[in-house]
Amino acid sequence: MTLYEPVIGLEVHAQLLTNSKMYCSCPADYQHTEPNTHVCPVCLGLPGTLPVINREAIKKIIMTGLALNCSIAEHTKFDRKNYPYPDLMKGYQISQFDLPICHDGYLDVEVEGATRRIGIERVHMEEDVAKLTHKSEGGEHYSLVDVNRAGVPLMEMVGRPDIRTAEEARQYLIGYRSILQYLGVSTGSMEDGSFRCDANVSIRPEGTTEFGTKVEVKNMNSFRAVFKAIEYEIERQAKVLDGGGRVIQETRGWVEENGTTISLRSKEEANDYRFFPEPDLPPLNVQRSWIAEIAELLPELPVERRGRFESEVGLSAYDAAQLTSDPRLADYYEAVLAEHAKVNGPSETIAKSAANWTISELGRVSNDAHVAIADSPLVPAHLAELITLIDKTVIGTTQAKTAVESMFATGKSAAATVEELGLAQITDTGAIGEAATAAIAANPAAVADYMAGKDTAAKFLVGQVMKATRGKANPSVVLELVVEQLEAMK
């Protein structure tokens, strides 16, 4: 059987966060609005209208290009991309062809401890199209057009075919979206369509350099879908070639329900978009001084924050990557550390402890509620307070998990929750001693095992005491008293 090397390139569209559309003054916030209410003659494509460049959108694409290590063109222009489709109001899209604003960048991705550099061919500016809704009623099929989205600033990033696995593709997307969110230029949400990805996938025999036949895969609305679609397409193409067939250059769509790709349309010839310079917009000259000003505005980026979390905070590479994947999550974590330090001063253990409670327990509860951790009713000060109570053995881990669930639901402080639910640990040695005596009396076999030299029997008896006290007893105190009583019986 022939071994194949996948060759993958991604094209990613991201809507930019601006107040107005790319070439007109209509509001760009089209989500949750009545259809065709954020429109004007320009975005409707009416004759005689003239577009005007959105300066804020240009600023944000330059910022993105700098973060992606791109060169920024001092001279750029816009072009008409001509193709007829119902969602394209003018019959053409104002895009960029041969002189993109950003070009020749890269993004490093890490998979299984190995870092690979993925080239970025270009990042260019264009406009989004209208939204089509397809319906069927009474045997009739029709489509509705909502122009609210048409003209929203859309940034396309075209990666070079340097990706070799589905996991690299996923990490590339996660890393890119994280950069956009840190910059504040896009929401990066695949669910609402503001962050979209198409994958170009081909395979070739290992050891060869010639590209295979490329297949474009669309309709992927999650990182998981991108991963699964690419894996499926690699396997499908390998089966075609191993069976003596020929991979057809085409566009395929991912079907989530079936876990397969299906053919959408043949693409034997390159699309002829008949690009030509946009006559209604002047060429754009970008001053070096403005690029320098924008560079000064760049925040701490994910890779820099991750490195700081490892070197200064002391987190593992895994925890640092998890916490810095989203800027608001990283902000929440740092707020927990700051709130803890206000009360307790410097601590060598808080970094790992806060990471665990933020990612694991609060993450679990937030995920179940479909709420981002940063939007959680459990605020950083309250989580820091809970960790303090754990450190002071006021409550145990089991009780703390219960407290997290309650605090998330009520927004109450850790102290109030512990008191209200009666979660405080039993530290009274008298009460624990009585429970230990009862456990020893009720489990003679375990006592005999201990006397025979099996130390694990003591742990069993500790478990019985914890069960009797509903997990409230301090485990270390329980173990001490159980062993003390067993030793006295020798």
Protein backbone atom coordinates (compact mmCIF):
# COMPACT_ATOMS: atom_id res chain seq x y z
CA MET A 1 0.00 0.00 0.00
CA THR A 2 1.29 3.45 -0.93
CA LEU A 3 1.99 5.84 1.91
CA TYR A 4 0.72 9.37 1.27
CA GLU A 5 1.62 12.78 2.59
CA PRO A 6 -1.31 15.21 3.02
CA VAL A 7 -0.87 18.75 1.71
CA ILE A 8 -3.31 21.19 3.31
CA GLY A 9 -3.88 24.90 2.92
CA LEU A 10 -6.56 26.91 4.71
CA GLU A 11 -8.47 29.99 3.61
CA VAL A 12 -10.05 31.79 6.55
CA HIS A 13 -12.57 34.62 6.45
CA ALA A 14 -13.09 36.76 9.55
CA GLN A 15 -15.60 39.57 9.92
CA LEU A 16 -14.00 42.66 11.43
CA LEU A 17 -15.52 44.49 14.39
CA THR A 18 -16.31 47.94 13.07
CA ASN A 19 -19.24 50.27 13.66
CA SER A 20 -20.06 50.63 9.98
CA LYS A 21 -19.74 48.51 6.87
CA MET A 22 -16.70 48.38 4.62
CA TYR A 23 -17.81 50.82 1.93
CA CYS A 24 -20.84 52.64 3.39
CA SER A 25 -22.09 54.09 6.67
CA CYS A 26 -24.69 51.37 7.41
CA PRO A 27 -24.31 49.71 10.84
CA ALA A 28 -22.14 46.59 10.61
CA ASP A 29 -23.90 44.90 13.54
CA TYR A 30 -26.40 42.82 11.60
CA GLN A 31 -26.93 40.03 14.13
CA HIS A 32 -30.43 39.80 15.67
CA THR A 33 -31.85 42.59 13.50
CA GLU A 34 -34.88 42.60 11.25
CA PRO A 35 -33.97 41.55 7.68
CA ASN A 36 -33.04 44.32 5.25
CA THR A 37 -33.06 47.13 7.83
CA HIS A 38 -29.31 47.93 7.86
CA VAL A 39 -29.14 48.79 4.19
CA CYS A 40 -28.57 51.77 1.89
CA PRO A 41 -28.18 52.38 -1.86
CA VAL A 42 -24.46 51.51 -1.65
CA CYS A 43 -24.77 48.05 -0.09
CA LEU A 44 -27.91 47.39 -2.13
CA GLY A 45 -25.80 47.91 -5.24
CA LEU A 46 -28.03 50.56 -6.75
CA PRO A 47 -26.75 52.35 -9.88
CA GLY A 48 -24.89 55.61 -9.38
CA THR A 49 -23.69 54.87 -5.84
CA LEU A 50 -20.04 55.22 -4.82
CA PRO A 51 -18.18 53.23 -2.12
CA VAL A 52 -15.95 54.86 0.53
CA ILE A 53 -13.13 52.95 2.29
CA ASN A 54 -13.59 52.24 6.01
CA ARG A 55 -10.36 53.50 7.66
CA GLU A 56 -10.96 51.48 10.85
CA ALA A 57 -11.17 48.24 8.85
CA ILE A 58 -7.83 49.03 7.18
CA LYS A 59 -6.30 49.73 10.56
CA LYS A 60 -7.50 46.38 11.90
CA ILE A 61 -6.24 44.37 8.95
CA ILE A 62 -2.82 46.03 9.29
CA MET A 63 -2.83 45.18 12.99
CA THR A 64 -3.65 41.57 12.12
CA GLY A 65 -0.93 41.44 9.49
CA LEU A 66 1.66 42.70 11.95
CA ALA A 67 0.60 40.07 14.49
CA LEU A 68 1.00 37.42 11.78
CA ASN A 69 4.52 38.59 10.94
CA CYS A 70 3.41 39.87 7.53
CA SER A 71 4.92 42.58 5.38
CA ILE A 72 2.56 45.54 4.99
CA ALA A 73 2.21 46.99 1.50
CA GLU A 74 2.82 50.71 1.21
CA HIS A 75 0.86 50.73 -2.05
CA THR A 76 -2.31 48.63 -2.39
CA LYS A 77 -5.56 48.73 -4.31
CA PHE A 78 -9.01 47.19 -4.52
CA ASP A 79 -10.32 45.02 -7.34
CA ARG A 80 -13.67 43.83 -8.64
CA LYS A 81 -14.20 40.09 -8.32
CA ASN A 82 -16.94 39.30 -10.81
CA TYR A 83 -19.31 36.37 -10.37
CA PRO A 84 -23.11 36.14 -10.59
CA TYR A 85 -24.87 34.87 -7.48
CA PRO A 86 -28.08 35.94 -5.70
CA ASP A 87 -26.25 36.98 -2.50
CA LEU A 88 -23.99 39.41 -4.41
CA MET A 89 -26.03 42.55 -4.82
CA LYS A 90 -23.77 44.37 -7.30
CA GLY A 91 -22.91 41.31 -9.37
CA TYR A 92 -19.32 41.70 -8.18
CA GLN A 93 -17.47 41.80 -4.89
CA ILE A 94 -14.98 44.53 -4.02
CA SER A 95 -11.92 42.54 -3.00
CA GLN A 96 -8.15 42.56 -3.60
CA PHE A 97 -6.23 40.60 -6.20
CA ASP A 98 -2.58 41.23 -6.94
CA LEU A 99 -1.73 43.88 -4.31
CA PRO A 100 -3.04 42.69 -0.92
CA ILE A 101 -2.50 44.86 2.15
CA CYS A 102 -0.60 42.12 4.04
CA HIS A 103 1.60 39.41 2.54
CA ASP A 104 4.33 36.86 3.30
CA GLY A 105 3.71 36.14 6.97
CA TYR A 106 3.68 33.02 9.14
CA LEU A 107 2.05 31.42 12.14
CA ASP A 108 3.79 28.85 14.36
CA VAL A 109 1.73 25.88 15.53
CA GLU A 110 2.63 23.32 18.17
CA VAL A 111 1.46 19.71 18.00
CA GLU A 112 2.72 17.06 20.43
CA GLY A 113 5.56 19.27 21.58
CA ALA A 114 6.85 19.97 18.06
CA THR A 115 6.58 23.45 16.55
CA ARG A 116 6.06 23.95 12.82
CA ARG A 117 5.97 27.25 10.93
CA ILE A 118 3.02 27.61 8.54
CA GLY A 119 3.42 30.24 5.85
CA ILE A 120 0.78 32.87 5.17
CA GLU A 121 0.58 33.99 1.57
CA ARG A 122 -1.66 37.01 2.06
CA VAL A 123 -4.26 38.76 4.19
CA HIS A 124 -6.55 40.94 2.13
CA MET A 125 -9.66 43.06 2.57
CA GLU A 126 -13.05 42.50 0.97
CA GLU A 127 -16.75 42.77 1.75
CA ASP A 128 -19.18 40.14 2.95
CA VAL A 129 -22.20 39.11 0.91
CA ALA A 130 -25.92 38.96 1.69
CA LYS A 131 -27.42 36.02 3.56
CA LEU A 132 -29.63 33.53 1.73
CA THR A 133 -32.31 31.53 3.55
CA HIS A 134 -33.77 28.59 1.64
CA LYS A 135 -37.33 27.51 2.45
CA SER A 136 -39.97 25.00 1.32
CA GLU A 137 -43.69 25.42 1.82
CA GLY A 138 -46.54 23.55 0.20
CA GLY A 139 -44.26 21.96 -2.34
CA GLU A 140 -42.82 25.33 -3.32
CA HIS A 141 -39.11 26.01 -2.90
CA TYR A 142 -37.82 29.56 -2.62
CA SER A 143 -35.00 31.66 -1.16
CA LEU A 144 -35.05 34.84 0.89
CA VAL A 145 -32.30 37.44 0.72
CA ASP A 146 -31.23 39.48 3.77
CA VAL A 147 -28.87 42.29 2.75
CA ASN A 148 -27.99 43.34 6.32
CA ARG A 149 -24.73 41.34 6.15
CA ALA A 150 -23.75 42.59 2.68
CA GLY A 151 -20.83 44.99 2.88
CA VAL A 152 -19.63 44.01 6.37
CA PRO A 153 -15.79 44.19 6.43
CA LEU A 154 -14.43 40.73 5.70
CA MET A 155 -10.75 39.84 6.06
CA GLU A 156 -9.45 36.82 4.18
CA MET A 157 -6.27 35.07 5.25
CA VAL A 158 -4.81 32.66 2.70
CA GLY A 159 -2.34 30.18 4.13
CA ARG A 160 0.34 28.39 2.16
CA PRO A 161 -0.04 24.60 1.69
CA ASP A 162 2.37 23.90 4.54
CA ILE A 163 -0.01 21.99 6.84
CA ARG A 164 0.48 18.22 6.92
CA THR A 165 -2.10 16.87 9.40
CA ALA A 166 -5.67 17.55 10.47
CA GLU A 167 -4.44 18.36 13.97
CA GLU A 168 -2.00 20.96 12.63
CA ALA A 169 -4.92 22.52 10.76
CA ARG A 170 -6.98 22.64 13.94
CA GLN A 171 -4.18 24.21 15.98
CA TYR A 172 -3.50 26.71 13.17
CA LEU A 173 -7.14 27.84 13.29
CA ILE A 174 -7.21 27.97 17.08
CA GLY A 175 -4.03 30.03 17.10
CA TYR A 176 -5.29 32.43 14.44
CA ARG A 177 -8.63 32.96 16.13
CA SER A 178 -6.87 33.55 19.44
CA ILE A 179 -4.75 36.29 17.83
CA LEU A 180 -7.87 37.97 16.41
CA GLN A 181 -9.52 37.92 19.82
CA TYR A 182 -6.45 39.29 21.59
CA LEU A 183 -6.30 42.10 19.04
CA GLY A 184 -10.02 42.75 19.46
CA VAL A 185 -10.53 42.87 15.69
CA SER A 186 -13.04 39.99 15.40
CA THR A 187 -15.21 37.81 17.62
CA GLY A 188 -13.77 34.73 15.91
CA SER A 189 -17.08 32.90 16.33
CA MET A 190 -17.60 30.01 13.93
CA GLU A 191 -21.09 29.42 15.31
CA ASP A 192 -22.53 32.69 14.01
CA GLY A 193 -20.48 32.74 10.81
CA SER A 194 -18.12 35.57 11.67
CA PHE A 195 -15.16 33.16 11.38
CA ARG A 196 -15.27 30.73 8.44
CA CYS A 197 -12.79 28.27 7.02
CA ASP A 198 -12.35 26.47 3.71
CA ALA A 199 -9.72 23.74 3.43
CA ASN A 200 -7.78 22.80 0.30
CA VAL A 201 -6.72 19.17 0.68
CA SER A 202 -4.57 16.96 -1.56
CA ILE A 203 -2.29 13.98 -1.03
CA ARG A 204 0.90 12.81 -2.70
CA PRO A 205 3.15 9.77 -2.30
CA GLU A 206 5.57 10.24 0.57
CA GLY A 207 8.96 11.48 -0.59
CA THR A 208 7.61 13.29 -3.65
CA THR A 209 7.36 17.05 -4.11
CA GLU A 210 4.76 17.40 -6.84
CA PHE A 211 1.33 18.50 -5.63
CA GLY A 212 -1.65 16.16 -6.01
CA THR A 213 -5.11 17.16 -7.22
CA LYS A 214 -6.62 19.71 -4.84
CA VAL A 215 -10.11 19.37 -3.35
CA GLU A 216 -11.77 22.30 -1.61
CA VAL A 217 -13.86 21.44 1.47
CA LYS A 218 -16.55 23.84 2.73
CA ASN A 219 -19.39 24.01 5.30
CA MET A 220 -17.28 23.41 8.41
CA ASN A 221 -18.60 25.40 11.38
CA SER A 222 -16.39 24.22 14.25
CA PHE A 223 -12.77 23.31 14.89
CA ARG A 224 -13.86 19.71 15.39
CA ALA A 225 -15.63 19.76 12.01
CA VAL A 226 -12.47 21.05 10.30
CA PHE A 227 -10.43 18.28 11.92
CA LYS A 228 -12.90 15.50 11.03
CA ALA A 229 -13.52 16.78 7.48
CA ILE A 230 -9.80 16.91 6.66
CA GLU A 231 -9.20 13.46 8.13
CA TYR A 232 -12.09 12.06 6.14
CA GLU A 233 -10.95 13.72 2.91
CA ILE A 234 -7.39 12.40 3.30
CA GLU A 235 -8.71 8.88 3.76
CA ARG A 236 -11.18 9.22 0.87
CA GLN A 237 -8.53 10.42 -1.57
CA ALA A 238 -6.15 7.63 -0.52
CA LYS A 239 -8.84 5.03 -1.22
CA VAL A 240 -9.50 6.55 -4.64
CA LEU A 241 -5.82 6.41 -5.61
CA ASP A 242 -5.24 2.94 -4.12
CA GLY A 243 -8.21 1.71 -6.14
CA GLY A 244 -6.63 2.95 -9.36
CA GLY A 245 -8.92 5.96 -9.66
CA ARG A 246 -8.24 9.65 -10.15
CA VAL A 247 -9.00 12.38 -7.62
CA ILE A 248 -11.25 14.97 -9.24
CA GLN A 249 -10.64 18.66 -8.62
CA GLU A 250 -13.91 19.77 -7.06
CA THR A 251 -15.60 21.55 -4.20
CA ARG A 252 -17.00 19.26 -1.51
CA GLY A 253 -19.16 19.99 1.50
CA TRP A 254 -18.83 18.54 4.99
CA VAL A 255 -21.96 16.75 6.26
CA GLU A 256 -21.73 16.71 10.05
CA GLU A 257 -24.56 14.20 10.54
CA ASN A 258 -22.88 11.56 8.37
CA GLY A 259 -19.25 12.45 9.05
CA THR A 260 -18.56 12.58 5.31
CA THR A 261 -17.85 15.05 2.52
CA ILE A 262 -20.09 15.21 -0.52
CA SER A 263 -19.51 16.67 -3.97
CA LEU A 264 -20.98 20.15 -4.46
CA ARG A 265 -19.61 21.15 -7.83
CA SER A 266 -16.85 20.29 -10.24
CA LYS A 267 -13.86 22.60 -10.38
CA GLU A 268 -11.80 21.21 -13.21
CA GLU A 269 -10.90 24.70 -14.39
CA ALA A 270 -9.89 27.68 -12.26
CA ASN A 271 -12.70 30.13 -11.66
CA ASP A 272 -12.52 33.12 -13.99
CA TYR A 273 -13.45 36.02 -11.75
CA ARG A 274 -12.27 38.57 -14.35
CA PHE A 275 -10.52 40.69 -11.72
CA PHE A 276 -9.87 44.29 -12.66
CA PRO A 277 -9.05 47.40 -10.56
CA GLU A 278 -12.05 48.90 -8.78
CA PRO A 279 -12.67 52.14 -10.73
CA ASP A 280 -14.72 53.76 -7.95
CA LEU A 281 -11.95 53.55 -5.31
CA PRO A 282 -8.52 55.17 -5.55
CA PRO A 283 -5.34 53.18 -4.90
CA LEU A 284 -4.47 53.14 -1.20
CA ASN A 285 -1.08 54.41 -0.04
CA VAL A 286 -0.23 53.35 3.51
CA GLN A 287 2.27 55.57 5.29
CA ARG A 288 5.10 53.93 7.24
CA SER A 289 4.43 56.27 10.15
CA TRP A 290 0.84 55.01 10.44
CA ILE A 291 2.01 51.38 10.38
CA ALA A 292 4.44 52.22 13.19
CA GLU A 293 1.63 53.80 15.20
CA ILE A 294 -0.50 50.70 14.75
CA ALA A 295 2.41 48.47 15.78
CA GLU A 296 2.60 50.38 19.06
CA LEU A 297 -1.04 49.43 19.73
CA LEU A 298 -0.42 45.68 19.56
CA PRO A 299 -1.27 44.03 22.89
CA GLU A 300 0.52 41.11 24.51
CA LEU A 301 -0.21 38.30 22.04
CA PRO A 302 -1.10 34.69 22.96
CA VAL A 303 2.39 33.26 22.45
CA GLU A 304 3.90 36.03 24.60
CA ARG A 305 1.34 35.61 27.35
CA ARG A 306 1.78 31.85 27.30
CA GLY A 307 5.52 32.28 27.70
CA ARG A 308 5.00 34.66 30.63
CA PHE A 309 2.60 32.26 32.33
CA GLU A 310 5.26 29.55 32.08
CA SER A 311 8.35 31.58 33.04
CA GLU A 312 6.94 34.07 35.56
CA VAL A 313 3.80 32.44 36.94
CA GLY A 314 5.23 28.91 36.89
CA LEU A 315 2.51 27.09 34.97
CA SER A 316 3.07 23.99 32.87
CA ALA A 317 3.05 24.41 29.11
CA TYR A 318 -0.34 22.66 28.96
CA ASP A 319 -2.01 24.85 31.58
CA ALA A 320 -0.51 28.00 30.08
CA ALA A 321 -1.81 27.07 26.62
CA GLN A 322 -5.28 26.33 27.98
CA LEU A 323 -5.55 29.60 29.88
CA THR A 324 -4.17 31.83 27.13
CA SER A 325 -6.31 30.39 24.34
CA ASP A 326 -8.87 33.12 25.05
CA PRO A 327 -7.85 36.60 26.26
CA ARG A 328 -10.87 36.93 28.57
CA LEU A 329 -10.10 33.57 30.18
CA ALA A 330 -6.49 34.64 30.74
CA ASP A 331 -7.74 37.92 32.24
CA TYR A 332 -10.05 35.99 34.58
CA TYR A 333 -7.20 33.75 35.74
CA GLU A 334 -4.89 36.67 36.41
CA ALA A 335 -7.69 38.38 38.36
CA VAL A 336 -7.97 35.27 40.57
CA LEU A 337 -4.23 35.44 41.29
CA ALA A 338 -4.44 39.16 42.09
CA GLU A 339 -7.44 38.73 44.42
CA HIS A 340 -5.71 35.87 46.24
CA ALA A 341 -2.53 37.91 46.68
CA LYS A 342 -4.51 40.83 48.17
CA VAL A 343 -5.57 38.65 51.09
CA ASN A 344 -2.78 36.09 51.41
CA GLY A 345 0.28 37.72 49.93
CA PRO A 346 2.71 35.79 47.69
CA SER A 347 2.09 32.06 47.39
CA GLU A 348 4.09 29.31 45.70
CA THR A 349 1.07 27.04 45.19
CA ILE A 350 -1.62 29.45 44.03
CA ALA A 351 -0.68 29.39 40.33
CA LYS A 352 -1.36 25.68 39.84
CA SER A 353 -4.28 25.61 42.25
CA ALA A 354 -6.00 28.57 40.57
CA ALA A 355 -5.38 27.03 37.14
CA ASN A 356 -6.97 23.74 38.22
CA TRP A 357 -10.05 25.33 39.74
CA THR A 358 -10.49 27.71 36.83
CA ILE A 359 -10.01 25.23 33.99
CA SER A 360 -11.38 22.03 35.50
CA GLU A 361 -14.14 22.78 37.98
CA LEU A 362 -15.36 26.21 36.91
CA GLY A 363 -14.80 25.17 33.30
CA ARG A 364 -16.99 22.10 33.79
CA VAL A 365 -19.85 24.04 35.35
CA SER A 366 -19.60 26.85 32.79
CA ASN A 367 -19.55 24.40 29.92
CA ASP A 368 -22.67 22.65 31.20
CA ALA A 369 -24.42 26.03 31.37
CA HIS A 370 -23.09 27.10 27.94
CA VAL A 371 -21.55 30.20 29.54
CA ALA A 372 -18.00 31.45 29.02
CA ILE A 373 -15.87 31.35 32.17
CA ALA A 374 -15.26 35.09 31.84
CA ASP A 375 -19.04 35.66 31.99
CA SER A 376 -19.52 33.37 34.97
CA PRO A 377 -21.54 34.59 37.98
CA LEU A 378 -18.66 33.16 40.02
CA VAL A 379 -16.36 36.17 39.96
CA PRO A 380 -12.55 35.96 40.38
CA ALA A 381 -12.63 37.35 43.95
CA HIS A 382 -15.00 34.59 45.06
CA LEU A 383 -12.94 31.84 43.43
CA ALA A 384 -9.81 33.21 45.11
CA GLU A 385 -11.69 33.18 48.42
CA LEU A 386 -12.68 29.55 47.85
CA ILE A 387 -9.05 28.55 47.20
CA THR A 388 -8.07 30.30 50.43
CA LEU A 389 -10.64 28.25 52.36
CA ILE A 390 -9.23 25.07 50.82
CA ASP A 391 -5.66 26.05 51.71
CA LYS A 392 -6.73 26.72 55.31
CA THR A 393 -8.50 23.30 55.39
CA VAL A 394 -11.81 25.00 56.19
CA ILE A 395 -13.28 22.84 53.43
CA GLY A 396 -12.07 19.81 51.51
CA THR A 397 -11.91 19.24 47.78
CA THR A 398 -15.26 17.45 47.64
CA GLN A 399 -17.02 20.25 49.47
CA ALA A 400 -15.26 22.85 47.31
CA LYS A 401 -16.67 21.24 44.16
CA THR A 402 -20.14 21.48 45.64
CA ALA A 403 -19.46 25.10 46.54
CA VAL A 404 -18.37 25.94 42.97
CA GLU A 405 -21.68 24.66 41.60
CA SER A 406 -23.67 26.66 44.15
CA MET A 407 -21.59 29.83 43.73
CA PHE A 408 -22.01 29.63 39.97
CA ALA A 409 -25.77 29.39 40.37
CA THR A 410 -26.15 32.10 43.03
CA GLY A 411 -23.18 34.45 42.58
CA LYS A 412 -22.63 34.33 46.37
CA SER A 413 -19.22 34.47 48.05
CA ALA A 414 -17.33 31.35 49.13
CA ALA A 415 -17.73 32.07 52.85
CA ALA A 416 -21.48 32.64 52.56
CA THR A 417 -21.89 29.48 50.47
CA VAL A 418 -19.88 27.30 52.85
CA GLU A 419 -21.88 28.55 55.82
CA GLU A 420 -25.24 28.31 54.08
CA LEU A 421 -24.65 24.74 52.88
CA GLY A 422 -22.80 23.59 55.98
CA LEU A 423 -19.73 22.54 54.01
CA ALA A 424 -17.05 23.33 56.61
CA GLN A 425 -14.78 20.42 57.51
CA ILE A 426 -15.06 18.69 60.86
CA THR A 427 -11.78 19.31 62.64
CA ASP A 428 -12.92 18.40 66.16
CA THR A 429 -10.67 15.45 67.07
CA GLY A 430 -13.21 14.21 69.57
CA ALA A 431 -15.97 13.80 66.98
CA ILE A 432 -13.59 12.34 64.43
CA GLY A 433 -12.16 9.98 67.04
CA GLU A 434 -15.64 8.65 67.80
CA ALA A 435 -16.26 8.04 64.09
CA ALA A 436 -12.90 6.26 63.82
CA THR A 437 -13.75 4.02 66.79
CA ALA A 438 -17.08 3.12 65.19
CA ALA A 439 -15.44 2.32 61.84
CA ILE A 440 -12.82 0.09 63.47
CA ALA A 441 -15.50 -1.78 65.44
CA ALA A 442 -17.63 -2.32 62.34
CA ASN A 443 -14.78 -3.65 60.16
CA PRO A 444 -12.87 -6.43 62.00
CA ALA A 445 -11.53 -7.87 58.73
CA ALA A 446 -9.80 -4.59 57.89
CA VAL A 447 -8.39 -4.45 61.42
CA ALA A 448 -7.01 -7.97 61.02
CA ASP A 449 -5.41 -7.01 57.69
CA TYR A 450 -3.73 -4.02 59.32
CA MET A 451 -2.43 -6.17 62.14
CA ALA A 452 -1.04 -8.52 59.49
CA GLY A 453 0.99 -5.67 58.03
CA LYS A 454 -1.33 -4.43 55.29
CA ASP A 455 -1.15 -0.64 55.59
CA THR A 456 -3.80 -0.20 52.88
CA ALA A 457 -6.35 -1.41 55.42
CA ALA A 458 -5.94 1.89 57.27
CA LYS A 459 -6.91 3.76 54.09
CA PHE A 460 -10.05 1.63 53.84
CA LEU A 461 -11.00 2.58 57.38
CA VAL A 462 -10.32 6.26 56.60
CA GLY A 463 -12.77 5.92 53.72
CA GLN A 464 -15.39 4.54 56.10
CA VAL A 465 -14.93 7.49 58.44
CA MET A 466 -15.18 9.95 55.54
CA LYS A 467 -18.35 8.21 54.41
CA ALA A 468 -19.83 8.42 57.91
CA THR A 469 -19.02 12.13 58.15
CA ARG A 470 -20.31 12.75 54.60
CA GLY A 471 -16.84 13.80 53.51
CA LYS A 472 -16.61 16.66 56.00
CA ALA A 473 -13.85 15.26 58.20
CA ASN A 474 -10.30 16.43 57.57
CA PRO A 475 -8.68 13.40 55.85
CA SER A 476 -5.26 13.92 57.39
CA VAL A 477 -6.74 14.11 60.88
CA VAL A 478 -8.83 11.00 60.20
CA LEU A 479 -5.78 9.00 59.09
CA GLU A 480 -3.81 10.10 62.13
CA LEU A 481 -6.56 9.07 64.57
CA VAL A 482 -7.33 5.76 62.82
CA VAL A 483 -3.67 4.73 62.88
CA GLU A 484 -3.35 5.89 66.48
CA GLN A 485 -6.28 3.68 67.57
CA LEU A 486 -5.08 0.68 65.53
CA GLU A 487 -1.58 0.92 66.97
CA ALA A 488 -3.04 1.06 70.48
CA MET A 489 -4.79 -2.27 69.79
CA LYS A 490 -1.54 -4.13 69.09
